Amino acid sequence: MKAYSSRRKVITINKYMTLGILKDNIHDITKDLQNILNVHFEEHESSYWGEYTVAILSARESIKLTYNYVDDD
């Protein structure tokens, strides 16, 4: 979404959506979403996010699947 100020300068507004899934296997969820949405996910790993998968939909849109562990779970 783009908004315009009084000087006609373009301001980009980022949108995010977070969903929770009660399943503890990221690989199963990735396979299900690949089939449902007909997109390809790539596996990644980082010290910050841990294990996660990403589907690049366009230059500005992507889907990232990550675990959301809570202490004492």
PDB file of N, CA and C in Angstrom:
ATOM      1  N   MET A   1       0.845  -1.161   0.000  1.00  0.00           N
ATOM      2  CA  MET A   1       0.000   0.000   0.000  1.00  0.00           C
ATOM      3  C   MET A   1       0.892   1.227   0.000  1.00  0.00           C
ATOM      4  N   LYS A   2       0.550   2.209  -0.793  1.00  0.00           N
ATOM      5  CA  LYS A   2       1.309   3.455  -0.846  1.00  0.00           C
ATOM      6  C   LYS A   2       0.413   4.615  -0.472  1.00  0.00           C
ATOM      7  N   ALA A   3       0.967   5.524   0.282  1.00  0.00           N
ATOM      8  CA  ALA A   3       0.233   6.724   0.681  1.00  0.00           C
ATOM      9  C   ALA A   3       1.016   7.926   0.181  1.00  0.00           C
ATOM     10  N   TYR A   4       0.334   9.002  -0.089  1.00  0.00           N
ATOM     11  CA  TYR A   4       0.972  10.203  -0.607  1.00  0.00           C
ATOM     12  C   TYR A   4       0.836  11.331   0.405  1.00  0.00           C
ATOM     13  N   SER A   5       1.945  12.032   0.656  1.00  0.00           N
ATOM     14  CA  SER A   5       1.892  13.192   1.538  1.00  0.00           C
ATOM     15  C   SER A   5       1.518  14.406   0.705  1.00  0.00           C
ATOM     16  N   SER A   6       1.431  15.554   1.357  1.00  0.00           N
ATOM     17  CA  SER A   6       1.021  16.774   0.646  1.00  0.00           C
ATOM     18  C   SER A   6       2.024  17.181  -0.432  1.00  0.00           C
ATOM     19  N   ARG A   7       3.259  16.746  -0.327  1.00  0.00           N
ATOM     20  CA  ARG A   7       4.271  17.068  -1.346  1.00  0.00           C
ATOM     21  C   ARG A   7       4.364  15.978  -2.415  1.00  0.00           C
ATOM     22  N   ARG A   8       3.449  15.042  -2.399  1.00  0.00           N
ATOM     23  CA  ARG A   8       3.374  13.948  -3.379  1.00  0.00           C
ATOM     24  C   ARG A   8       4.559  12.991  -3.277  1.00  0.00           C
ATOM     25  N   LYS A   9       5.169  12.932  -2.116  1.00  0.00           N
ATOM     26  CA  LYS A   9       6.243  11.972  -1.882  1.00  0.00           C
ATOM     27  C   LYS A   9       5.610  10.617  -1.560  1.00  0.00           C
ATOM     28  N   VAL A  10       6.119   9.558  -2.134  1.00  0.00           N
ATOM     29  CA  VAL A  10       5.565   8.230  -1.911  1.00  0.00           C
ATOM     30  C   VAL A  10       6.086   7.676  -0.586  1.00  0.00           C
ATOM     31  N   ILE A  11       5.162   7.218   0.240  1.00  0.00           N
ATOM     32  CA  ILE A  11       5.495   6.589   1.506  1.00  0.00           C
ATOM     33  C   ILE A  11       5.034   5.139   1.425  1.00  0.00           C
ATOM     34  N   THR A  12       5.943   4.200   1.609  1.00  0.00           N
ATOM     35  CA  THR A  12       5.598   2.788   1.545  1.00  0.00           C
ATOM     36  C   THR A  12       5.177   2.306   2.930  1.00  0.00           C
ATOM     37  N   ILE A  13       4.050   1.598   2.983  1.00  0.00           N
ATOM     38  CA  ILE A  13       3.536   1.049   4.227  1.00  0.00           C
ATOM     39  C   ILE A  13       3.645  -0.471   4.146  1.00  0.00           C
ATOM     40  N   ASN A  14       4.408  -1.060   5.058  1.00  0.00           N
ATOM     41  CA  ASN A  14       4.562  -2.514   5.087  1.00  0.00           C
ATOM     42  C   ASN A  14       3.408  -3.150   5.832  1.00  0.00           C
ATOM     43  N   LYS A  15       2.970  -4.321   5.354  1.00  0.00           N
ATOM     44  CA  LYS A  15       1.899  -5.074   6.000  1.00  0.00           C
ATOM     45  C   LYS A  15       2.422  -6.451   6.363  1.00  0.00           C
ATOM     46  N   TYR A  16       2.042  -6.920   7.533  1.00  0.00           N
ATOM     47  CA  TYR A  16       2.432  -8.238   7.992  1.00  0.00           C
ATOM     48  C   TYR A  16       1.214  -8.952   8.538  1.00  0.00           C
ATOM     49  N   MET A  17       1.215 -10.279   8.413  1.00  0.00           N
ATOM     50  CA  MET A  17       0.155 -11.085   8.985  1.00  0.00           C
ATOM     51  C   MET A  17       0.826 -12.265   9.681  1.00  0.00           C
ATOM     52  N   THR A  18       0.424 -12.538  10.898  1.00  0.00           N
ATOM     53  CA  THR A  18       0.968 -13.654  11.658  1.00  0.00           C
ATOM     54  C   THR A  18      -0.156 -14.639  11.954  1.00  0.00           C
ATOM     55  N   LEU A  19       0.097 -15.901  11.646  1.00  0.00           N
ATOM     56  CA  LEU A  19      -0.868 -16.970  11.901  1.00  0.00           C
ATOM     57  C   LEU A  19      -0.202 -18.033  12.762  1.00  0.00           C
ATOM     58  N   GLY A  20      -0.975 -18.699  13.586  1.00  0.00           N
ATOM     59  CA  GLY A  20      -0.457 -19.795  14.397  1.00  0.00           C
ATOM     60  C   GLY A  20      -1.053 -21.111  13.960  1.00  0.00           C
ATOM     61  N   ILE A  21      -0.232 -22.153  13.960  1.00  0.00           N
ATOM     62  CA  ILE A  21      -0.680 -23.495  13.581  1.00  0.00           C
ATOM     63  C   ILE A  21      -0.275 -24.446  14.703  1.00  0.00           C
ATOM     64  N   LEU A  22      -1.219 -25.227  15.176  1.00  0.00           N
ATOM     65  CA  LEU A  22      -0.944 -26.156  16.272  1.00  0.00           C
ATOM     66  C   LEU A  22      -0.380 -27.472  15.742  1.00  0.00           C
ATOM     67  N   LYS A  23       0.790 -27.383  15.182  1.00  0.00           N
ATOM     68  CA  LYS A  23       1.496 -28.554  14.672  1.00  0.00           C
ATOM     69  C   LYS A  23       2.973 -28.285  14.905  1.00  0.00           C
ATOM     70  N   ASP A  24       3.720 -29.276  15.347  1.00  0.00           N
ATOM     71  CA  ASP A  24       5.107 -29.009  15.719  1.00  0.00           C
ATOM     72  C   ASP A  24       6.143 -29.505  14.717  1.00  0.00           C
ATOM     73  N   ASN A  25       5.730 -29.738  13.468  1.00  0.00           N
ATOM     74  CA  ASN A  25       6.672 -30.193  12.451  1.00  0.00           C
ATOM     75  C   ASN A  25       6.635 -29.237  11.270  1.00  0.00           C
ATOM     76  N   ILE A  26       7.650 -28.392  11.163  1.00  0.00           N
ATOM     77  CA  ILE A  26       7.690 -27.375  10.108  1.00  0.00           C
ATOM     78  C   ILE A  26       7.730 -28.007   8.715  1.00  0.00           C
ATOM     79  N   HIS A  27       8.293 -29.204   8.621  1.00  0.00           N
ATOM     80  CA  HIS A  27       8.379 -29.872   7.312  1.00  0.00           C
ATOM     81  C   HIS A  27       6.997 -30.298   6.812  1.00  0.00           C
ATOM     82  N   ASP A  28       6.167 -30.813   7.704  1.00  0.00           N
ATOM     83  CA  ASP A  28       4.800 -31.199   7.324  1.00  0.00           C
ATOM     84  C   ASP A  28       3.977 -29.977   6.918  1.00  0.00           C
ATOM     85  N   ILE A  29       4.101 -28.901   7.679  1.00  0.00           N
ATOM     86  CA  ILE A  29       3.363 -27.669   7.370  1.00  0.00           C
ATOM     87  C   ILE A  29       3.819 -27.098   6.037  1.00  0.00           C
ATOM     88  N   THR A  30       5.132 -27.125   5.803  1.00  0.00           N
ATOM     89  CA  THR A  30       5.673 -26.624   4.537  1.00  0.00           C
ATOM     90  C   THR A  30       5.115 -27.411   3.355  1.00  0.00           C
ATOM     91  N   LYS A  31       5.104 -28.731   3.463  1.00  0.00           N
ATOM     92  CA  LYS A  31       4.560 -29.571   2.384  1.00  0.00           C
ATOM     93  C   LYS A  31       3.084 -29.278   2.141  1.00  0.00           C
ATOM     94  N   ASP A  32       2.320 -29.158   3.232  1.00  0.00           N
ATOM     95  CA  ASP A  32       0.894 -28.862   3.095  1.00  0.00           C
ATOM     96  C   ASP A  32       0.671 -27.526   2.390  1.00  0.00           C
ATOM     97  N   LEU A  33       1.378 -26.488   2.824  1.00  0.00           N
ATOM     98  CA  LEU A  33       1.197 -25.170   2.217  1.00  0.00           C
ATOM     99  C   LEU A  33       1.691 -25.120   0.775  1.00  0.00           C
ATOM    100  N   GLN A  34       2.764 -25.841   0.459  1.00  0.00           N
ATOM    101  CA  GLN A  34       3.224 -25.904  -0.939  1.00  0.00           C
ATOM    102  C   GLN A  34       2.129 -26.461  -1.836  1.00  0.00           C
ATOM    103  N   ASN A  35       1.457 -27.503  -1.366  1.00  0.00           N
ATOM    104  CA  ASN A  35       0.388 -28.116  -2.162  1.00  0.00           C
ATOM    105  C   ASN A  35      -0.850 -27.224  -2.240  1.00  0.00           C
ATOM    106  N   ILE A  36      -1.228 -26.618  -1.124  1.00  0.00           N
ATOM    107  CA  ILE A  36      -2.436 -25.787  -1.089  1.00  0.00           C
ATOM    108  C   ILE A  36      -2.255 -24.505  -1.893  1.00  0.00           C
ATOM    109  N   LEU A  37      -1.107 -23.834  -1.701  1.00  0.00           N
ATOM    110  CA  LEU A  37      -0.872 -22.529  -2.331  1.00  0.00           C
ATOM    111  C   LEU A  37      -0.143 -22.610  -3.670  1.00  0.00           C
ATOM    112  N   ASN A  38       0.378 -23.791  -3.997  1.00  0.00           N
ATOM    113  CA  ASN A  38       1.137 -23.993  -5.226  1.00  0.00           C
ATOM    114  C   ASN A  38       2.334 -23.036  -5.312  1.00  0.00           C
ATOM    115  N   VAL A  39       3.109 -22.991  -4.210  1.00  0.00           N
ATOM    116  CA  VAL A  39       4.343 -22.194  -4.154  1.00  0.00           C
ATOM    117  C   VAL A  39       5.469 -23.085  -3.667  1.00  0.00           C
ATOM    118  N   HIS A  40       6.712 -22.650  -3.906  1.00  0.00           N
ATOM    119  CA  HIS A  40       7.884 -23.415  -3.495  1.00  0.00           C
ATOM    120  C   HIS A  40       8.541 -22.744  -2.289  1.00  0.00           C
ATOM    121  N   PHE A  41       8.786 -23.521  -1.243  1.00  0.00           N
ATOM    122  CA  PHE A  41       9.489 -23.040  -0.056  1.00  0.00           C
ATOM    123  C   PHE A  41      10.922 -23.548  -0.075  1.00  0.00           C
ATOM    124  N   GLU A  42      11.840 -22.716   0.378  1.00  0.00           N
ATOM    125  CA  GLU A  42      13.245 -23.109   0.529  1.00  0.00           C
ATOM    126  C   GLU A  42      13.588 -23.134   2.004  1.00  0.00           C
ATOM    127  N   GLU A  43      14.354 -24.142   2.404  1.00  0.00           N
ATOM    128  CA  GLU A  43      14.757 -24.265   3.803  1.00  0.00           C
ATOM    129  C   GLU A  43      15.939 -23.355   4.097  1.00  0.00           C
ATOM    130  N   HIS A  44      15.912 -22.745   5.290  1.00  0.00           N
ATOM    131  CA  HIS A  44      16.990 -21.880   5.757  1.00  0.00           C
ATOM    132  C   HIS A  44      17.230 -22.156   7.233  1.00  0.00           C
ATOM    133  N   GLU A  45      18.360 -21.677   7.718  1.00  0.00           N
ATOM    134  CA  GLU A  45      18.662 -21.780   9.140  1.00  0.00           C
ATOM    135  C   GLU A  45      19.529 -20.595   9.535  1.00  0.00           C
ATOM    136  N   SER A  46      19.212 -20.008  10.675  1.00  0.00           N
ATOM    137  CA  SER A  46      20.013 -18.890  11.168  1.00  0.00           C
ATOM    138  C   SER A  46      20.135 -18.984  12.679  1.00  0.00           C
ATOM    139  N   SER A  47      21.115 -18.292  13.228  1.00  0.00           N
ATOM    140  CA  SER A  47      21.285 -18.310  14.677  1.00  0.00           C
ATOM    141  C   SER A  47      20.163 -17.539  15.370  1.00  0.00           C
ATOM    142  N   TYR A  48      19.535 -16.602  14.679  1.00  0.00           N
ATOM    143  CA  TYR A  48      18.452 -15.810  15.263  1.00  0.00           C
ATOM    144  C   TYR A  48      17.101 -16.515  15.117  1.00  0.00           C
ATOM    145  N   TRP A  49      16.726 -16.904  13.890  1.00  0.00           N
ATOM    146  CA  TRP A  49      15.417 -17.509  13.626  1.00  0.00           C
ATOM    147  C   TRP A  49      15.405 -19.020  13.844  1.00  0.00           C
ATOM    148  N   GLY A  50      16.561 -19.643  13.843  1.00  0.00           N
ATOM    149  CA  GLY A  50      16.605 -21.106  13.907  1.00  0.00           C
ATOM    150  C   GLY A  50      16.256 -21.681  12.548  1.00  0.00           C
ATOM    151  N   GLU A  51      15.591 -22.815  12.535  1.00  0.00           N
ATOM    152  CA  GLU A  51      15.171 -23.458  11.282  1.00  0.00           C
ATOM    153  C   GLU A  51      13.897 -22.786  10.788  1.00  0.00           C
ATOM    154  N   TYR A  52      13.878 -22.403   9.498  1.00  0.00           N
ATOM    155  CA  TYR A  52      12.684 -21.787   8.925  1.00  0.00           C
ATOM    156  C   TYR A  52      12.646 -22.032   7.421  1.00  0.00           C
ATOM    157  N   THR A  53      11.489 -21.810   6.817  1.00  0.00           N
ATOM    158  CA  THR A  53      11.347 -21.939   5.367  1.00  0.00           C
ATOM    159  C   THR A  53      10.733 -20.658   4.808  1.00  0.00           C
ATOM    160  N   VAL A  54      11.094 -20.348   3.553  1.00  0.00           N
ATOM    161  CA  VAL A  54      10.618 -19.118   2.915  1.00  0.00           C
ATOM    162  C   VAL A  54      10.144 -19.423   1.500  1.00  0.00           C
ATOM    163  N   ALA A  55       9.003 -18.831   1.136  1.00  0.00           N
ATOM    164  CA  ALA A  55       8.518 -18.843  -0.247  1.00  0.00           C
ATOM    165  C   ALA A  55       8.519 -17.401  -0.724  1.00  0.00           C
ATOM    166  N   ILE A  56       9.264 -17.123  -1.780  1.00  0.00           N
ATOM    167  CA  ILE A  56       9.307 -15.782  -2.361  1.00  0.00           C
ATOM    168  C   ILE A  56       8.187 -15.702  -3.396  1.00  0.00           C
ATOM    169  N   LEU A  57       7.220 -14.830  -3.155  1.00  0.00           N
ATOM    170  CA  LEU A  57       6.076 -14.692  -4.054  1.00  0.00           C
ATOM    171  C   LEU A  57       6.304 -13.617  -5.115  1.00  0.00           C
ATOM    172  N   SER A  58       6.998 -12.557  -4.730  1.00  0.00           N
ATOM    173  CA  SER A  58       7.341 -11.470  -5.651  1.00  0.00           C
ATOM    174  C   SER A  58       8.495 -10.698  -5.029  1.00  0.00           C
ATOM    175  N   ALA A  59       8.882  -9.604  -5.663  1.00  0.00           N
ATOM    176  CA  ALA A  59       9.980  -8.799  -5.135  1.00  0.00           C
ATOM    177  C   ALA A  59       9.654  -8.220  -3.759  1.00  0.00           C
ATOM    178  N   ARG A  60       8.368  -8.069  -3.458  1.00  0.00           N
ATOM    179  CA  ARG A  60       7.965  -7.448  -2.196  1.00  0.00           C
ATOM    180  C   ARG A  60       7.131  -8.349  -1.290  1.00  0.00           C
ATOM    181  N   GLU A  61       6.864  -9.576  -1.718  1.00  0.00           N
ATOM    182  CA  GLU A  61       6.007 -10.459  -0.935  1.00  0.00           C
ATOM    183  C   GLU A  61       6.670 -11.812  -0.713  1.00  0.00           C
ATOM    184  N   SER A  62       6.564 -12.296   0.503  1.00  0.00           N
ATOM    185  CA  SER A  62       7.097 -13.615   0.826  1.00  0.00           C
ATOM    186  C   SER A  62       6.310 -14.211   1.987  1.00  0.00           C
ATOM    187  N   ILE A  63       6.477 -15.526   2.155  1.00  0.00           N
ATOM    188  CA  ILE A  63       5.879 -16.239   3.272  1.00  0.00           C
ATOM    189  C   ILE A  63       7.023 -16.896   4.023  1.00  0.00           C
ATOM    190  N   LYS A  64       7.119 -16.642   5.323  1.00  0.00           N
ATOM    191  CA  LYS A  64       8.155 -17.260   6.150  1.00  0.00           C
ATOM    192  C   LYS A  64       7.475 -18.117   7.216  1.00  0.00           C
ATOM    193  N   LEU A  65       7.907 -19.380   7.303  1.00  0.00           N
ATOM    194  CA  LEU A  65       7.407 -20.292   8.328  1.00  0.00           C
ATOM    195  C   LEU A  65       8.508 -20.499   9.355  1.00  0.00           C
ATOM    196  N   THR A  66       8.195 -20.221  10.616  1.00  0.00           N
ATOM    197  CA  THR A  66       9.167 -20.390  11.694  1.00  0.00           C
ATOM    198  C   THR A  66       8.491 -21.062  12.870  1.00  0.00           C
ATOM    199  N   TYR A  67       9.313 -21.619  13.753  1.00  0.00           N
ATOM    200  CA  TYR A  67       8.808 -22.128  15.020  1.00  0.00           C
ATOM    201  C   TYR A  67       8.641 -20.948  15.966  1.00  0.00           C
ATOM    202  N   ASN A  68       7.695 -21.053  16.870  1.00  0.00           N
ATOM    203  CA  ASN A  68       7.467 -20.018  17.875  1.00  0.00           C
ATOM    204  C   ASN A  68       7.483 -20.671  19.249  1.00  0.00           C
ATOM    205  N   TYR A  69       8.695 -20.997  19.694  1.00  0.00           N
ATOM    206  CA  TYR A  69       8.819 -21.646  20.992  1.00  0.00           C
ATOM    207  C   TYR A  69       8.649 -20.633  22.106  1.00  0.00           C
ATOM    208  N   VAL A  70       7.991 -21.070  23.155  1.00  0.00           N
ATOM    209  CA  VAL A  70       7.818 -20.252  24.349  1.00  0.00           C
ATOM    210  C   VAL A  70       8.498 -20.992  25.497  1.00  0.00           C
ATOM    211  N   ASP A  71       9.238 -20.279  26.330  1.00  0.00           N
ATOM    212  CA  ASP A  71       9.897 -20.921  27.467  1.00  0.00           C
ATOM    213  C   ASP A  71       8.890 -21.722  28.272  1.00  0.00           C
ATOM    214  N   ASP A  72       9.331 -22.875  28.764  1.00  0.00           N
ATOM    215  CA  ASP A  72       8.520 -23.785  29.576  1.00  0.00           C
ATOM    216  C   ASP A  72       7.425 -24.478  28.789  1.00  0.00           C
ATOM    217  N   ASP A  73       7.521 -24.513  27.443  1.00  0.00           N
ATOM    218  CA  ASP A  73       6.550 -25.263  26.623  1.00  0.00           C
ATOM    219  C   ASP A  73       6.976 -26.707  26.515  1.00  0.00           C
TER     220      ASP A  73
END
